[in-house]
């Protein structure tokens, strides 16, 4: 019995290339695999790099889109807090009139959008200028829902530098004319993990941009963004 198992293992072993031609073929296959793996990352950077800005130099837009980044004991994580701080700066500077917070509320005890809303209102952003998307489960869902559900056509996207290019590429594919604010963050373990994740996430992003699937939850059109913009315009005209 042992001899039979040993024989099977030996037959299953991969034969290493013996000739120069076989080694050359293996090398070219490895090179081709690396090129294919890097194509999505290259597309993300090429599509988005010219539209990455800072809070100081980003063009004005009607809406700021803030992507969720996790909660700590019900409060925005430090990474999410930095994104929200940038949204507050943009609102105070008059560069955006409405903030769309998009995140995960897939279970009752975890509610990113409401935590984001509270953080913003505590810092002076009026509640009537904040619109919540409770089904922003990933970047593509957030982008396509912003366009299809909330009617966003032009926006400033707010997220960390390692994520902003993918967000820009996907929102562009969803039909949103967007610039992105790359929020500064400490280069800690979370930062490097996020950067490494982007290499793999770029493959899904390229597929989403090509196929353009519907979000996990579509639902009816929500007029919250248009109503908030109309109210902001009326307020400005009355001054």
C-alpha atoms as a PDB file:
ATOM      1  CA  UNK A   1       0.000   0.000   0.000  1.00  0.00           C
ATOM      2  CA  UNK A   2       2.818   2.393   0.909  1.00  0.00           C
ATOM      3  CA  UNK A   3       4.562   1.605  -2.373  1.00  0.00           C
ATOM      4  CA  UNK A   4       1.394   2.420  -4.319  1.00  0.00           C
ATOM      5  CA  UNK A   5       1.015   5.801  -2.592  1.00  0.00           C
ATOM      6  CA  UNK A   6       4.686   6.554  -3.129  1.00  0.00           C
ATOM      7  CA  UNK A   7       4.332   5.699  -6.807  1.00  0.00           C
ATOM      8  CA  UNK A   8       1.392   8.056  -7.200  1.00  0.00           C
ATOM      9  CA  UNK A   9       3.278  10.887  -5.522  1.00  0.00           C
ATOM     10  CA  UNK A  10       6.227  10.376  -7.816  1.00  0.00           C
ATOM     11  CA  UNK A  11       3.967  10.452 -10.890  1.00  0.00           C
ATOM     12  CA  UNK A  12       2.333  13.670  -9.640  1.00  0.00           C
ATOM     13  CA  UNK A  13       5.622  15.507  -9.306  1.00  0.00           C
ATOM     14  CA  UNK A  14       6.013  18.337 -11.815  1.00  0.00           C
ATOM     15  CA  UNK A  15       8.817  17.634 -14.229  1.00  0.00           C
ATOM     16  CA  UNK A  16      11.284  20.503 -14.313  1.00  0.00           C
ATOM     17  CA  UNK A  17      12.292  21.740 -17.767  1.00  0.00           C
ATOM     18  CA  UNK A  18      15.385  19.976 -19.011  1.00  0.00           C
ATOM     19  CA  UNK A  19      16.175  21.618 -22.330  1.00  0.00           C
ATOM     20  CA  UNK A  20      16.966  25.246 -23.122  1.00  0.00           C
ATOM     21  CA  UNK A  21      13.788  25.535 -25.176  1.00  0.00           C
ATOM     22  CA  UNK A  22      11.646  24.283 -22.291  1.00  0.00           C
ATOM     23  CA  UNK A  23      13.313  26.724 -19.875  1.00  0.00           C
ATOM     24  CA  UNK A  24      12.752  29.582 -22.319  1.00  0.00           C
ATOM     25  CA  UNK A  25       9.084  28.672 -22.627  1.00  0.00           C
ATOM     26  CA  UNK A  26       8.722  28.553 -18.849  1.00  0.00           C
ATOM     27  CA  UNK A  27      10.396  31.969 -18.539  1.00  0.00           C
ATOM     28  CA  UNK A  28       8.106  33.539 -21.150  1.00  0.00           C
ATOM     29  CA  UNK A  29       5.063  32.008 -19.468  1.00  0.00           C
ATOM     30  CA  UNK A  30       6.141  33.531 -16.147  1.00  0.00           C
ATOM     31  CA  UNK A  31       6.713  36.938 -17.771  1.00  0.00           C
ATOM     32  CA  UNK A  32       3.318  36.796 -19.488  1.00  0.00           C
ATOM     33  CA  UNK A  33       1.660  35.890 -16.196  1.00  0.00           C
ATOM     34  CA  UNK A  34       3.281  38.859 -14.446  1.00  0.00           C
ATOM     35  CA  UNK A  35       2.220  41.241 -17.228  1.00  0.00           C
ATOM     36  CA  UNK A  36      -1.369  40.025 -17.113  1.00  0.00           C
ATOM     37  CA  UNK A  37      -1.431  40.331 -13.327  1.00  0.00           C
ATOM     38  CA  UNK A  38      -0.191  43.937 -13.499  1.00  0.00           C
ATOM     39  CA  UNK A  39      -2.528  45.101 -16.273  1.00  0.00           C
ATOM     40  CA  UNK A  40      -5.432  45.964 -13.915  1.00  0.00           C
ATOM     41  CA  UNK A  41      -3.149  47.986 -11.619  1.00  0.00           C
ATOM     42  CA  UNK A  42      -1.725  49.805 -14.647  1.00  0.00           C
ATOM     43  CA  UNK A  43      -5.235  50.596 -15.886  1.00  0.00           C
ATOM     44  CA  UNK A  44      -6.273  51.955 -12.476  1.00  0.00           C
ATOM     45  CA  UNK A  45      -3.263  54.283 -12.306  1.00  0.00           C
ATOM     46  CA  UNK A  46      -3.540  55.430 -15.924  1.00  0.00           C
ATOM     47  CA  UNK A  47      -7.245  56.156 -15.588  1.00  0.00           C
ATOM     48  CA  UNK A  48      -7.063  57.963 -12.267  1.00  0.00           C
ATOM     49  CA  UNK A  49      -3.669  59.542 -11.625  1.00  0.00           C
ATOM     50  CA  UNK A  50      -4.425  62.888 -13.373  1.00  0.00           C
ATOM     51  CA  UNK A  51      -7.475  63.369 -11.123  1.00  0.00           C
ATOM     52  CA  UNK A  52      -5.833  62.877  -7.719  1.00  0.00           C
ATOM     53  CA  UNK A  53      -5.790  66.126  -5.735  1.00  0.00           C
ATOM     54  CA  UNK A  54      -5.514  67.538  -2.225  1.00  0.00           C
ATOM     55  CA  UNK A  55      -8.144  69.401  -0.217  1.00  0.00           C
ATOM     56  CA  UNK A  56      -6.442  72.666  -1.192  1.00  0.00           C
ATOM     57  CA  UNK A  57      -6.418  72.212  -4.975  1.00  0.00           C
ATOM     58  CA  UNK A  58      -9.344  69.899  -5.778  1.00  0.00           C
ATOM     59  CA  UNK A  59     -11.933  71.496  -8.111  1.00  0.00           C
ATOM     60  CA  UNK A  60     -15.348  72.317  -6.649  1.00  0.00           C
ATOM     61  CA  UNK A  61     -18.181  69.825  -7.150  1.00  0.00           C
ATOM     62  CA  UNK A  62     -21.780  69.600  -5.952  1.00  0.00           C
ATOM     63  CA  UNK A  63     -21.202  66.437  -3.925  1.00  0.00           C
ATOM     64  CA  UNK A  64     -18.452  64.895  -1.819  1.00  0.00           C
ATOM     65  CA  UNK A  65     -18.551  61.098  -1.612  1.00  0.00           C
ATOM     66  CA  UNK A  66     -16.967  59.657   1.554  1.00  0.00           C
ATOM     67  CA  UNK A  67     -16.318  55.909   1.495  1.00  0.00           C
ATOM     68  CA  UNK A  68     -16.655  53.872   4.678  1.00  0.00           C
ATOM     69  CA  UNK A  69     -13.510  52.542   6.347  1.00  0.00           C
ATOM     70  CA  UNK A  70     -14.676  50.673   9.425  1.00  0.00           C
ATOM     71  CA  UNK A  71     -15.885  51.455  12.932  1.00  0.00           C
ATOM     72  CA  UNK A  72     -14.192  51.048  16.298  1.00  0.00           C
ATOM     73  CA  UNK A  73     -16.767  50.435  19.020  1.00  0.00           C
ATOM     74  CA  UNK A  74     -19.390  52.251  16.982  1.00  0.00           C
ATOM     75  CA  UNK A  75     -17.178  55.257  16.195  1.00  0.00           C
ATOM     76  CA  UNK A  76     -15.351  55.977  12.906  1.00  0.00           C
ATOM     77  CA  UNK A  77     -11.952  54.329  12.751  1.00  0.00           C
ATOM     78  CA  UNK A  78      -8.959  56.708  12.535  1.00  0.00           C
ATOM     79  CA  UNK A  79      -8.797  56.143   8.771  1.00  0.00           C
ATOM     80  CA  UNK A  80     -12.479  56.954   8.373  1.00  0.00           C
ATOM     81  CA  UNK A  81     -12.186  59.961  10.695  1.00  0.00           C
ATOM     82  CA  UNK A  82      -9.457  61.406   8.445  1.00  0.00           C
ATOM     83  CA  UNK A  83     -11.766  61.052   5.437  1.00  0.00           C
ATOM     84  CA  UNK A  84     -14.590  62.780   7.280  1.00  0.00           C
ATOM     85  CA  UNK A  85     -12.281  65.569   8.435  1.00  0.00           C
ATOM     86  CA  UNK A  86     -11.436  66.232   4.783  1.00  0.00           C
ATOM     87  CA  UNK A  87     -15.158  66.384   3.959  1.00  0.00           C
ATOM     88  CA  UNK A  88     -15.659  68.936   6.735  1.00  0.00           C
ATOM     89  CA  UNK A  89     -12.822  71.050   5.306  1.00  0.00           C
ATOM     90  CA  UNK A  90     -14.305  70.923   1.807  1.00  0.00           C
ATOM     91  CA  UNK A  91     -17.761  71.858   3.069  1.00  0.00           C
ATOM     92  CA  UNK A  92     -16.478  74.776   5.138  1.00  0.00           C
ATOM     93  CA  UNK A  93     -14.438  76.006   2.164  1.00  0.00           C
ATOM     94  CA  UNK A  94     -17.551  75.949  -0.033  1.00  0.00           C
ATOM     95  CA  UNK A  95     -16.029  73.423  -2.428  1.00  0.00           C
ATOM     96  CA  UNK A  96     -18.902  70.960  -1.938  1.00  0.00           C
ATOM     97  CA  UNK A  97     -22.534  71.570  -1.002  1.00  0.00           C
ATOM     98  CA  UNK A  98     -23.659  68.056  -0.073  1.00  0.00           C
ATOM     99  CA  UNK A  99     -21.852  65.079   1.467  1.00  0.00           C
ATOM    100  CA  UNK A 100     -22.867  61.538   0.484  1.00  0.00           C
ATOM    101  CA  UNK A 101     -21.649  59.035   3.084  1.00  0.00           C
ATOM    102  CA  UNK A 102     -21.582  55.491   1.764  1.00  0.00           C
ATOM    103  CA  UNK A 103     -20.849  52.412   3.846  1.00  0.00           C
ATOM    104  CA  UNK A 104     -21.933  49.118   5.325  1.00  0.00           C
ATOM    105  CA  UNK A 105     -25.166  48.674   7.272  1.00  0.00           C
ATOM    106  CA  UNK A 106     -25.696  44.996   6.512  1.00  0.00           C
ATOM    107  CA  UNK A 107     -26.512  44.236  10.148  1.00  0.00           C
ATOM    108  CA  UNK A 108     -28.292  46.195  12.852  1.00  0.00           C
ATOM    109  CA  UNK A 109     -25.300  46.481  15.184  1.00  0.00           C
ATOM    110  CA  UNK A 110     -22.988  47.825  12.477  1.00  0.00           C
ATOM    111  CA  UNK A 111     -23.971  51.142  10.889  1.00  0.00           C
ATOM    112  CA  UNK A 112     -21.198  53.033   9.135  1.00  0.00           C
ATOM    113  CA  UNK A 113     -23.354  55.747   7.479  1.00  0.00           C
ATOM    114  CA  UNK A 114     -25.056  56.860  10.702  1.00  0.00           C
ATOM    115  CA  UNK A 115     -21.715  56.979  12.543  1.00  0.00           C
ATOM    116  CA  UNK A 116     -20.310  59.039   9.669  1.00  0.00           C
ATOM    117  CA  UNK A 117     -23.306  61.377   9.741  1.00  0.00           C
ATOM    118  CA  UNK A 118     -22.946  61.956  13.485  1.00  0.00           C
ATOM    119  CA  UNK A 119     -19.239  62.679  13.121  1.00  0.00           C
ATOM    120  CA  UNK A 120     -19.970  65.295  10.459  1.00  0.00           C
ATOM    121  CA  UNK A 121     -22.835  66.989  12.301  1.00  0.00           C
ATOM    122  CA  UNK A 122     -20.760  67.136  15.493  1.00  0.00           C
ATOM    123  CA  UNK A 123     -18.269  69.203  13.480  1.00  0.00           C
ATOM    124  CA  UNK A 124     -20.753  71.622  12.026  1.00  0.00           C
ATOM    125  CA  UNK A 125     -21.967  70.085   8.783  1.00  0.00           C
ATOM    126  CA  UNK A 126     -25.769  70.544   8.724  1.00  0.00           C
ATOM    127  CA  UNK A 127     -27.709  67.281   8.846  1.00  0.00           C
ATOM    128  CA  UNK A 128     -29.797  68.378   5.855  1.00  0.00           C
ATOM    129  CA  UNK A 129     -26.610  68.515   3.747  1.00  0.00           C
ATOM    130  CA  UNK A 130     -25.707  64.886   4.481  1.00  0.00           C
ATOM    131  CA  UNK A 131     -27.182  61.984   2.517  1.00  0.00           C
ATOM    132  CA  UNK A 132     -26.631  58.360   3.560  1.00  0.00           C
ATOM    133  CA  UNK A 133     -26.154  55.292   1.386  1.00  0.00           C
ATOM    134  CA  UNK A 134     -26.582  52.262   3.630  1.00  0.00           C
ATOM    135  CA  UNK A 135     -25.652  49.702   0.942  1.00  0.00           C
ATOM    136  CA  UNK A 136     -22.147  50.781  -0.028  1.00  0.00           C
ATOM    137  CA  UNK A 137     -20.702  47.338   0.594  1.00  0.00           C
ATOM    138  CA  UNK A 138     -17.694  47.788  -1.679  1.00  0.00           C
ATOM    139  CA  UNK A 139     -16.214  50.475  -3.906  1.00  0.00           C
ATOM    140  CA  UNK A 140     -18.111  49.482  -7.038  1.00  0.00           C
ATOM    141  CA  UNK A 141     -21.425  49.331  -5.171  1.00  0.00           C
ATOM    142  CA  UNK A 142     -20.787  52.786  -3.713  1.00  0.00           C
ATOM    143  CA  UNK A 143     -19.883  54.263  -7.105  1.00  0.00           C
ATOM    144  CA  UNK A 144     -22.655  52.720  -9.159  1.00  0.00           C
ATOM    145  CA  UNK A 145     -25.284  53.426  -6.501  1.00  0.00           C
ATOM    146  CA  UNK A 146     -24.119  57.041  -6.275  1.00  0.00           C
ATOM    147  CA  UNK A 147     -24.781  57.360 -10.000  1.00  0.00           C
ATOM    148  CA  UNK A 148     -27.830  55.127 -10.473  1.00  0.00           C
ATOM    149  CA  UNK A 149     -29.678  55.550  -7.177  1.00  0.00           C
ATOM    150  CA  UNK A 150     -28.677  59.040  -6.039  1.00  0.00           C
ATOM    151  CA  UNK A 151     -28.172  60.675  -9.436  1.00  0.00           C
ATOM    152  CA  UNK A 152     -24.651  61.934  -8.738  1.00  0.00           C
ATOM    153  CA  UNK A 153     -22.993  63.184 -11.930  1.00  0.00           C
ATOM    154  CA  UNK A 154     -20.041  65.171 -10.576  1.00  0.00           C
ATOM    155  CA  UNK A 155     -18.277  64.606  -7.276  1.00  0.00           C
ATOM    156  CA  UNK A 156     -15.180  64.793  -5.133  1.00  0.00           C
ATOM    157  CA  UNK A 157     -14.217  61.364  -3.799  1.00  0.00           C
ATOM    158  CA  UNK A 158     -12.578  61.239  -0.375  1.00  0.00           C
ATOM    159  CA  UNK A 159     -10.444  58.300   0.719  1.00  0.00           C
ATOM    160  CA  UNK A 160      -6.828  57.359   1.489  1.00  0.00           C
ATOM    161  CA  UNK A 161      -4.107  57.491  -1.124  1.00  0.00           C
ATOM    162  CA  UNK A 162      -3.859  53.724  -1.533  1.00  0.00           C
ATOM    163  CA  UNK A 163      -7.588  53.548  -2.432  1.00  0.00           C
ATOM    164  CA  UNK A 164      -8.321  56.802  -4.226  1.00  0.00           C
ATOM    165  CA  UNK A 165      -7.212  55.728  -7.713  1.00  0.00           C
ATOM    166  CA  UNK A 166      -9.382  52.627  -7.734  1.00  0.00           C
ATOM    167  CA  UNK A 167     -12.327  54.697  -6.482  1.00  0.00           C
ATOM    168  CA  UNK A 168     -11.755  57.228  -9.265  1.00  0.00           C
ATOM    169  CA  UNK A 169     -11.476  54.546 -11.940  1.00  0.00           C
ATOM    170  CA  UNK A 170     -14.671  52.830 -10.804  1.00  0.00           C
ATOM    171  CA  UNK A 171     -16.695  56.026 -10.391  1.00  0.00           C
ATOM    172  CA  UNK A 172     -15.543  57.050 -13.847  1.00  0.00           C
ATOM    173  CA  UNK A 173     -16.774  53.714 -15.202  1.00  0.00           C
ATOM    174  CA  UNK A 174     -20.080  54.306 -13.390  1.00  0.00           C
ATOM    175  CA  UNK A 175     -20.519  57.620 -15.210  1.00  0.00           C
ATOM    176  CA  UNK A 176     -19.420  60.108 -12.540  1.00  0.00           C
ATOM    177  CA  UNK A 177     -17.110  62.988 -13.429  1.00  0.00           C
ATOM    178  CA  UNK A 178     -14.930  62.848 -10.338  1.00  0.00           C
ATOM    179  CA  UNK A 179     -11.751  64.115  -8.756  1.00  0.00           C
ATOM    180  CA  UNK A 180     -10.284  62.437  -5.710  1.00  0.00           C
ATOM    181  CA  UNK A 181      -8.801  63.763  -2.494  1.00  0.00           C
ATOM    182  CA  UNK A 182      -6.038  61.491  -1.257  1.00  0.00           C
ATOM    183  CA  UNK A 183      -6.222  61.865   2.508  1.00  0.00           C
ATOM    184  CA  UNK A 184      -2.894  61.632   4.304  1.00  0.00           C
ATOM    185  CA  UNK A 185      -2.447  58.802   6.784  1.00  0.00           C
ATOM    186  CA  UNK A 186       0.306  57.288   8.878  1.00  0.00           C
ATOM    187  CA  UNK A 187       2.152  54.565   6.984  1.00  0.00           C
ATOM    188  CA  UNK A 188       1.436  51.848   9.522  1.00  0.00           C
ATOM    189  CA  UNK A 189       0.522  48.185   9.149  1.00  0.00           C
ATOM    190  CA  UNK A 190      -2.994  49.104   8.011  1.00  0.00           C
ATOM    191  CA  UNK A 191      -1.603  51.345   5.286  1.00  0.00           C
ATOM    192  CA  UNK A 192       0.716  48.694   3.866  1.00  0.00           C
ATOM    193  CA  UNK A 193      -1.989  46.031   4.104  1.00  0.00           C
ATOM    194  CA  UNK A 194      -4.367  48.341   2.246  1.00  0.00           C
ATOM    195  CA  UNK A 195      -1.781  48.981  -0.442  1.00  0.00           C
ATOM    196  CA  UNK A 196      -1.127  45.268  -0.899  1.00  0.00           C
ATOM    197  CA  UNK A 197      -4.868  44.611  -1.072  1.00  0.00           C
ATOM    198  CA  UNK A 198      -5.208  47.122  -3.893  1.00  0.00           C
ATOM    199  CA  UNK A 199      -3.057  44.970  -6.175  1.00  0.00           C
ATOM    200  CA  UNK A 200      -5.615  42.179  -5.961  1.00  0.00           C
ATOM    201  CA  UNK A 201      -8.643  44.488  -5.791  1.00  0.00           C
ATOM    202  CA  UNK A 202      -7.602  46.087  -9.075  1.00  0.00           C
ATOM    203  CA  UNK A 203      -8.426  42.846 -10.868  1.00  0.00           C
ATOM    204  CA  UNK A 204     -12.003  42.921  -9.602  1.00  0.00           C
ATOM    205  CA  UNK A 205     -12.187  46.639 -10.375  1.00  0.00           C
ATOM    206  CA  UNK A 206     -11.188  46.048 -13.990  1.00  0.00           C
ATOM    207  CA  UNK A 207     -13.835  43.334 -14.303  1.00  0.00           C
ATOM    208  CA  UNK A 208     -16.496  45.555 -12.705  1.00  0.00           C
ATOM    209  CA  UNK A 209     -15.625  48.395 -15.070  1.00  0.00           C
ATOM    210  CA  UNK A 210     -15.826  46.066 -18.057  1.00  0.00           C
ATOM    211  CA  UNK A 211     -19.016  44.185 -17.130  1.00  0.00           C
ATOM    212  CA  UNK A 212     -20.642  46.982 -15.071  1.00  0.00           C
ATOM    213  CA  UNK A 213     -22.814  44.713 -12.926  1.00  0.00           C
ATOM    214  CA  UNK A 214     -25.632  46.023 -10.801  1.00  0.00           C
ATOM    215  CA  UNK A 215     -24.891  46.640  -7.123  1.00  0.00           C
ATOM    216  CA  UNK A 216     -25.773  44.030  -4.535  1.00  0.00           C
ATOM    217  CA  UNK A 217     -28.845  46.117  -3.718  1.00  0.00           C
ATOM    218  CA  UNK A 218     -30.232  48.435  -6.377  1.00  0.00           C
ATOM    219  CA  UNK A 219     -33.628  49.673  -5.227  1.00  0.00           C
ATOM    220  CA  UNK A 220     -35.569  52.731  -6.399  1.00  0.00           C
ATOM    221  CA  UNK A 221     -34.175  56.166  -7.117  1.00  0.00           C
ATOM    222  CA  UNK A 222     -33.539  58.197  -3.972  1.00  0.00           C
ATOM    223  CA  UNK A 223     -33.957  61.993  -4.328  1.00  0.00           C
ATOM    224  CA  UNK A 224     -31.950  62.904  -1.232  1.00  0.00           C
ATOM    225  CA  UNK A 225     -28.951  64.362  -3.067  1.00  0.00           C
ATOM    226  CA  UNK A 226     -31.052  66.455  -5.461  1.00  0.00           C
ATOM    227  CA  UNK A 227     -33.233  67.736  -2.622  1.00  0.00           C
ATOM    228  CA  UNK A 228     -30.216  68.683  -0.516  1.00  0.00           C
ATOM    229  CA  UNK A 229     -28.618  70.469  -3.477  1.00  0.00           C
ATOM    230  CA  UNK A 230     -31.851  72.333  -4.226  1.00  0.00           C
ATOM    231  CA  UNK A 231     -32.142  73.440  -0.596  1.00  0.00           C
ATOM    232  CA  UNK A 232     -28.494  74.523  -0.590  1.00  0.00           C
ATOM    233  CA  UNK A 233     -29.081  76.557  -3.747  1.00  0.00           C
ATOM    234  CA  UNK A 234     -32.193  78.195  -2.322  1.00  0.00           C
ATOM    235  CA  UNK A 235     -30.334  79.052   0.872  1.00  0.00           C
ATOM    236  CA  UNK A 236     -27.446  80.568  -1.055  1.00  0.00           C
ATOM    237  CA  UNK A 237     -29.806  82.618  -3.232  1.00  0.00           C
ATOM    238  CA  UNK A 238     -31.563  84.017  -0.144  1.00  0.00           C
ATOM    239  CA  UNK A 239     -28.415  85.454   1.366  1.00  0.00           C
END
